[in-house]
């Protein structure tokens, strides 16, 4: 699974180098506790199984390499989200 974590600091990463071993639920708890934004990256690749909304804050919407292929799936899935956030050419709902 690929996730984007916004708000995380270099210092936090140096002190917690094994975040990749955590389940999405464990990672979500850490992000909520530290006020990080947890975003599912590449949500419609064949190998990705989307976690429930309770564990992620959002999903990546625009990725230049896959946007056209998955545009319809992305917007259907994201109808339930109520806001749009754009950060550095990555947009997600």
C-alpha atoms as a PDB file:
ATOM      1  CA  UNK A   1       0.000   0.000   0.000  1.00  0.00           C
ATOM      2  CA  UNK A   2       1.170   3.474  -0.798  1.00  0.00           C
ATOM      3  CA  UNK A   3       0.295   6.424   1.402  1.00  0.00           C
ATOM      4  CA  UNK A   4       1.095  10.112   1.382  1.00  0.00           C
ATOM      5  CA  UNK A   5       1.524  11.654   4.824  1.00  0.00           C
ATOM      6  CA  UNK A   6       1.239  15.423   4.946  1.00  0.00           C
ATOM      7  CA  UNK A   7       2.534  17.308   7.961  1.00  0.00           C
ATOM      8  CA  UNK A   8       5.059  14.698   8.997  1.00  0.00           C
ATOM      9  CA  UNK A   9       8.486  16.070   9.859  1.00  0.00           C
ATOM     10  CA  UNK A  10      11.976  14.856   9.130  1.00  0.00           C
ATOM     11  CA  UNK A  11      12.599  14.593  12.872  1.00  0.00           C
ATOM     12  CA  UNK A  12       9.524  12.373  13.314  1.00  0.00           C
ATOM     13  CA  UNK A  13      10.661  10.111  10.475  1.00  0.00           C
ATOM     14  CA  UNK A  14      14.163   9.779  11.919  1.00  0.00           C
ATOM     15  CA  UNK A  15      12.687   8.755  15.279  1.00  0.00           C
ATOM     16  CA  UNK A  16      10.131   6.370  13.742  1.00  0.00           C
ATOM     17  CA  UNK A  17      11.896   4.701  10.840  1.00  0.00           C
ATOM     18  CA  UNK A  18       9.695   1.609  10.582  1.00  0.00           C
ATOM     19  CA  UNK A  19       6.349   3.190   9.739  1.00  0.00           C
ATOM     20  CA  UNK A  20       6.220   0.979   6.646  1.00  0.00           C
ATOM     21  CA  UNK A  21       5.644  -2.042   8.896  1.00  0.00           C
ATOM     22  CA  UNK A  22       2.420  -0.669  10.382  1.00  0.00           C
ATOM     23  CA  UNK A  23      -1.081  -1.622   9.359  1.00  0.00           C
ATOM     24  CA  UNK A  24      -3.247   1.136   7.935  1.00  0.00           C
ATOM     25  CA  UNK A  25      -5.149   1.191  11.219  1.00  0.00           C
ATOM     26  CA  UNK A  26      -1.947   1.700  13.245  1.00  0.00           C
ATOM     27  CA  UNK A  27      -0.681   4.331  10.813  1.00  0.00           C
ATOM     28  CA  UNK A  28      -4.036   6.110  10.964  1.00  0.00           C
ATOM     29  CA  UNK A  29      -3.916   6.263  14.751  1.00  0.00           C
ATOM     30  CA  UNK A  30      -0.426   7.800  14.637  1.00  0.00           C
ATOM     31  CA  UNK A  31      -1.483  10.338  12.020  1.00  0.00           C
ATOM     32  CA  UNK A  32      -4.579  11.379  13.972  1.00  0.00           C
ATOM     33  CA  UNK A  33      -2.589  11.689  17.201  1.00  0.00           C
ATOM     34  CA  UNK A  34       0.034  13.889  15.501  1.00  0.00           C
ATOM     35  CA  UNK A  35      -2.376  15.806  13.243  1.00  0.00           C
ATOM     36  CA  UNK A  36      -0.848  14.403  10.041  1.00  0.00           C
ATOM     37  CA  UNK A  37      -3.000  13.990   6.940  1.00  0.00           C
ATOM     38  CA  UNK A  38      -3.068  10.362   5.700  1.00  0.00           C
ATOM     39  CA  UNK A  39      -3.853  10.009   2.008  1.00  0.00           C
ATOM     40  CA  UNK A  40      -4.193   6.817  -0.026  1.00  0.00           C
ATOM     41  CA  UNK A  41      -1.842   7.150  -2.995  1.00  0.00           C
ATOM     42  CA  UNK A  42      -2.680   5.536  -6.345  1.00  0.00           C
ATOM     43  CA  UNK A  43      -6.117   4.394  -5.143  1.00  0.00           C
ATOM     44  CA  UNK A  44      -7.178   2.592  -8.306  1.00  0.00           C
ATOM     45  CA  UNK A  45      -4.141   0.609  -9.248  1.00  0.00           C
ATOM     46  CA  UNK A  46      -4.974  -3.075  -9.566  1.00  0.00           C
ATOM     47  CA  UNK A  47      -2.847  -4.033  -6.556  1.00  0.00           C
ATOM     48  CA  UNK A  48      -4.415  -1.481  -4.185  1.00  0.00           C
ATOM     49  CA  UNK A  49      -7.200  -2.464  -1.821  1.00  0.00           C
ATOM     50  CA  UNK A  50      -8.754   0.713  -0.467  1.00  0.00           C
ATOM     51  CA  UNK A  51      -9.010   0.896   3.308  1.00  0.00           C
ATOM     52  CA  UNK A  52     -12.218   2.089   4.888  1.00  0.00           C
ATOM     53  CA  UNK A  53     -12.732   5.822   5.218  1.00  0.00           C
ATOM     54  CA  UNK A  54     -12.270   5.615   8.972  1.00  0.00           C
ATOM     55  CA  UNK A  55      -8.538   4.983   8.483  1.00  0.00           C
ATOM     56  CA  UNK A  56      -7.647   7.449   5.736  1.00  0.00           C
ATOM     57  CA  UNK A  57      -8.283  11.163   5.485  1.00  0.00           C
ATOM     58  CA  UNK A  58      -8.457  11.221   1.719  1.00  0.00           C
ATOM     59  CA  UNK A  59      -7.359   9.610  -1.526  1.00  0.00           C
ATOM     60  CA  UNK A  60      -5.107  10.932  -4.244  1.00  0.00           C
ATOM     61  CA  UNK A  61      -7.156  12.116  -7.206  1.00  0.00           C
ATOM     62  CA  UNK A  62      -4.699  13.444  -9.740  1.00  0.00           C
ATOM     63  CA  UNK A  63      -1.561  11.607 -10.677  1.00  0.00           C
ATOM     64  CA  UNK A  64      -0.303  12.476 -14.152  1.00  0.00           C
ATOM     65  CA  UNK A  65       0.483   8.870 -14.989  1.00  0.00           C
ATOM     66  CA  UNK A  66      -2.895   7.352 -14.169  1.00  0.00           C
ATOM     67  CA  UNK A  67      -5.479  10.143 -14.027  1.00  0.00           C
ATOM     68  CA  UNK A  68      -7.118   9.565 -17.419  1.00  0.00           C
ATOM     69  CA  UNK A  69      -7.331   5.802 -16.981  1.00  0.00           C
ATOM     70  CA  UNK A  70      -8.988   5.989 -13.563  1.00  0.00           C
ATOM     71  CA  UNK A  71     -10.837   9.322 -13.708  1.00  0.00           C
ATOM     72  CA  UNK A  72     -14.340   7.780 -13.712  1.00  0.00           C
ATOM     73  CA  UNK A  73     -13.541   5.416 -10.817  1.00  0.00           C
ATOM     74  CA  UNK A  74     -11.985   8.214  -8.794  1.00  0.00           C
ATOM     75  CA  UNK A  75     -14.950  10.542  -9.032  1.00  0.00           C
ATOM     76  CA  UNK A  76     -17.495   7.800  -8.314  1.00  0.00           C
ATOM     77  CA  UNK A  77     -15.589   6.743  -5.213  1.00  0.00           C
ATOM     78  CA  UNK A  78     -15.054  10.296  -4.011  1.00  0.00           C
ATOM     79  CA  UNK A  79     -18.665  11.457  -4.168  1.00  0.00           C
ATOM     80  CA  UNK A  80     -18.901  10.796  -0.420  1.00  0.00           C
ATOM     81  CA  UNK A  81     -16.089  13.192   0.497  1.00  0.00           C
ATOM     82  CA  UNK A  82     -17.141  16.746   1.235  1.00  0.00           C
ATOM     83  CA  UNK A  83     -14.063  18.802   0.518  1.00  0.00           C
ATOM     84  CA  UNK A  84     -11.204  19.189  -1.936  1.00  0.00           C
ATOM     85  CA  UNK A  85      -7.578  19.746  -0.998  1.00  0.00           C
ATOM     86  CA  UNK A  86      -4.842  20.539  -3.494  1.00  0.00           C
ATOM     87  CA  UNK A  87      -1.194  20.265  -2.567  1.00  0.00           C
ATOM     88  CA  UNK A  88       1.641  20.571  -5.078  1.00  0.00           C
ATOM     89  CA  UNK A  89      -0.346  19.470  -8.136  1.00  0.00           C
ATOM     90  CA  UNK A  90      -1.825  16.511  -6.279  1.00  0.00           C
ATOM     91  CA  UNK A  91      -5.539  16.973  -5.778  1.00  0.00           C
ATOM     92  CA  UNK A  92      -7.687  14.825  -3.575  1.00  0.00           C
ATOM     93  CA  UNK A  93     -11.181  14.981  -2.141  1.00  0.00           C
END
